[in-house]
Amino acid sequence: MARLDDLVTLRADLLLWLEDAPVDRKAALVAQYRATLAEIDELTPKEAEGDGIDEIAKRRDARRAGAPKASSRSQRQG
């Protein structure tokens, strides 16, 4: 994670340098800024994204977990 921390610090520094940079230096700083953002994105852990079906299954499971248990009387009827 040290590399990621360094990149985050570099990102902040690059923004400061961009504010004060002469016009002829801005293009190089912008290129470095974009490369830094891309590397931060690569190193940042991604959360698993589920699709719509996963979301529906999660909701269904939550409803079932909160549903009252069947009584012994209803189990004997079958």
C-alpha atoms as a PDB file:
ATOM      1  CA  MET A   1       0.000   0.000   0.000  1.00  0.00           C
ATOM      2  CA  ALA A   2       3.002   2.314   0.294  1.00  0.00           C
ATOM      3  CA  ARG A   3       3.029   2.718  -3.501  1.00  0.00           C
ATOM      4  CA  LEU A   4      -0.629   3.715  -3.495  1.00  0.00           C
ATOM      5  CA  ASP A   5      -0.033   6.232  -0.700  1.00  0.00           C
ATOM      6  CA  ASP A   6       2.874   7.724  -2.659  1.00  0.00           C
ATOM      7  CA  LEU A   7       0.722   8.031  -5.766  1.00  0.00           C
ATOM      8  CA  VAL A   8      -2.048   9.781  -3.846  1.00  0.00           C
ATOM      9  CA  THR A   9       0.505  12.267  -2.511  1.00  0.00           C
ATOM     10  CA  LEU A  10       1.909  12.744  -6.019  1.00  0.00           C
ATOM     11  CA  ARG A  11      -1.585  13.395  -7.348  1.00  0.00           C
ATOM     12  CA  ALA A  12      -2.074  16.212  -4.834  1.00  0.00           C
ATOM     13  CA  ASP A  13       1.368  17.652  -5.618  1.00  0.00           C
ATOM     14  CA  LEU A  14       0.713  17.576  -9.346  1.00  0.00           C
ATOM     15  CA  LEU A  15      -2.474  19.577  -8.894  1.00  0.00           C
ATOM     16  CA  LEU A  16      -0.570  22.219  -6.946  1.00  0.00           C
ATOM     17  CA  TRP A  17       2.210  22.340  -9.523  1.00  0.00           C
ATOM     18  CA  LEU A  18      -0.330  22.679 -12.329  1.00  0.00           C
ATOM     19  CA  GLU A  19      -1.736  25.832 -10.767  1.00  0.00           C
ATOM     20  CA  ASP A  20       1.625  27.607 -10.803  1.00  0.00           C
ATOM     21  CA  ALA A  21       3.212  26.049 -13.879  1.00  0.00           C
ATOM     22  CA  PRO A  22       4.050  28.108 -16.923  1.00  0.00           C
ATOM     23  CA  VAL A  23       1.933  27.282 -19.960  1.00  0.00           C
ATOM     24  CA  ASP A  24       4.760  25.474 -21.738  1.00  0.00           C
ATOM     25  CA  ARG A  25       5.064  23.005 -18.804  1.00  0.00           C
ATOM     26  CA  LYS A  26       1.360  22.292 -18.251  1.00  0.00           C
ATOM     27  CA  ALA A  27       1.057  19.633 -20.950  1.00  0.00           C
ATOM     28  CA  ALA A  28       3.772  17.501 -19.361  1.00  0.00           C
ATOM     29  CA  LEU A  29       2.217  17.899 -15.912  1.00  0.00           C
ATOM     30  CA  VAL A  30      -1.232  16.993 -17.231  1.00  0.00           C
ATOM     31  CA  ALA A  31       0.190  13.878 -18.873  1.00  0.00           C
ATOM     32  CA  GLN A  32       1.857  12.870 -15.602  1.00  0.00           C
ATOM     33  CA  TYR A  33      -1.357  13.616 -13.692  1.00  0.00           C
ATOM     34  CA  ARG A  34      -3.375  11.359 -15.989  1.00  0.00           C
ATOM     35  CA  ALA A  35      -0.797   8.572 -15.724  1.00  0.00           C
ATOM     36  CA  THR A  36      -0.874   8.915 -11.940  1.00  0.00           C
ATOM     37  CA  LEU A  37      -4.669   8.676 -11.890  1.00  0.00           C
ATOM     38  CA  ALA A  38      -4.542   5.554 -14.052  1.00  0.00           C
ATOM     39  CA  GLU A  39      -1.996   3.899 -11.772  1.00  0.00           C
ATOM     40  CA  ILE A  40      -4.020   4.795  -8.675  1.00  0.00           C
ATOM     41  CA  ASP A  41      -7.046   3.210 -10.317  1.00  0.00           C
ATOM     42  CA  GLU A  42      -5.087   0.031 -11.090  1.00  0.00           C
ATOM     43  CA  LEU A  43      -3.808  -0.296  -7.519  1.00  0.00           C
ATOM     44  CA  THR A  44      -7.073   0.540  -5.776  1.00  0.00           C
ATOM     45  CA  PRO A  45      -8.889  -2.613  -4.664  1.00  0.00           C
ATOM     46  CA  LYS A  46     -12.160  -3.005  -6.486  1.00  0.00           C
ATOM     47  CA  GLU A  47     -15.360  -4.061  -4.801  1.00  0.00           C
ATOM     48  CA  ALA A  48     -17.095  -6.939  -6.464  1.00  0.00           C
ATOM     49  CA  GLU A  49     -20.064  -5.668  -8.401  1.00  0.00           C
ATOM     50  CA  GLY A  50     -23.007  -8.001  -8.700  1.00  0.00           C
ATOM     51  CA  ASP A  51     -25.490  -7.964 -11.496  1.00  0.00           C
ATOM     52  CA  GLY A  52     -29.216  -7.399 -11.135  1.00  0.00           C
ATOM     53  CA  ILE A  53     -29.878 -11.074 -10.511  1.00  0.00           C
ATOM     54  CA  ASP A  54     -27.472 -11.059  -7.567  1.00  0.00           C
ATOM     55  CA  GLU A  55     -29.303  -8.068  -6.115  1.00  0.00           C
ATOM     56  CA  ILE A  56     -32.693  -9.756  -6.490  1.00  0.00           C
ATOM     57  CA  ALA A  57     -31.376 -12.928  -4.825  1.00  0.00           C
ATOM     58  CA  LYS A  58     -29.998 -10.865  -1.947  1.00  0.00           C
ATOM     59  CA  ARG A  59     -33.343  -9.173  -1.375  1.00  0.00           C
ATOM     60  CA  ARG A  60     -35.185 -12.481  -1.543  1.00  0.00           C
ATOM     61  CA  ASP A  61     -32.818 -14.055   0.972  1.00  0.00           C
ATOM     62  CA  ALA A  62     -33.240 -11.072   3.295  1.00  0.00           C
ATOM     63  CA  ARG A  63     -37.037 -11.401   3.135  1.00  0.00           C
ATOM     64  CA  ARG A  64     -36.847 -15.123   3.820  1.00  0.00           C
ATOM     65  CA  ALA A  65     -34.508 -14.597   6.755  1.00  0.00           C
ATOM     66  CA  GLY A  66     -36.986 -12.136   8.290  1.00  0.00           C
ATOM     67  CA  ALA A  67     -40.062 -14.294   7.669  1.00  0.00           C
ATOM     68  CA  PRO A  68     -41.604 -16.003  10.699  1.00  0.00           C
ATOM     69  CA  LYS A  69     -40.874 -19.705  11.039  1.00  0.00           C
ATOM     70  CA  ALA A  70     -43.651 -22.078  10.102  1.00  0.00           C
ATOM     71  CA  SER A  71     -45.496 -23.433  13.101  1.00  0.00           C
ATOM     72  CA  SER A  72     -45.529 -27.136  13.827  1.00  0.00           C
ATOM     73  CA  ARG A  73     -49.275 -27.088  13.107  1.00  0.00           C
ATOM     74  CA  SER A  74     -48.743 -25.985   9.479  1.00  0.00           C
ATOM     75  CA  GLN A  75     -46.056 -28.628   9.034  1.00  0.00           C
ATOM     76  CA  ARG A  76     -48.429 -31.417  10.128  1.00  0.00           C
ATOM     77  CA  GLN A  77     -51.061 -30.463   7.554  1.00  0.00           C
ATOM     78  CA  GLY A  78     -48.934 -31.627   4.605  1.00  0.00           C
END
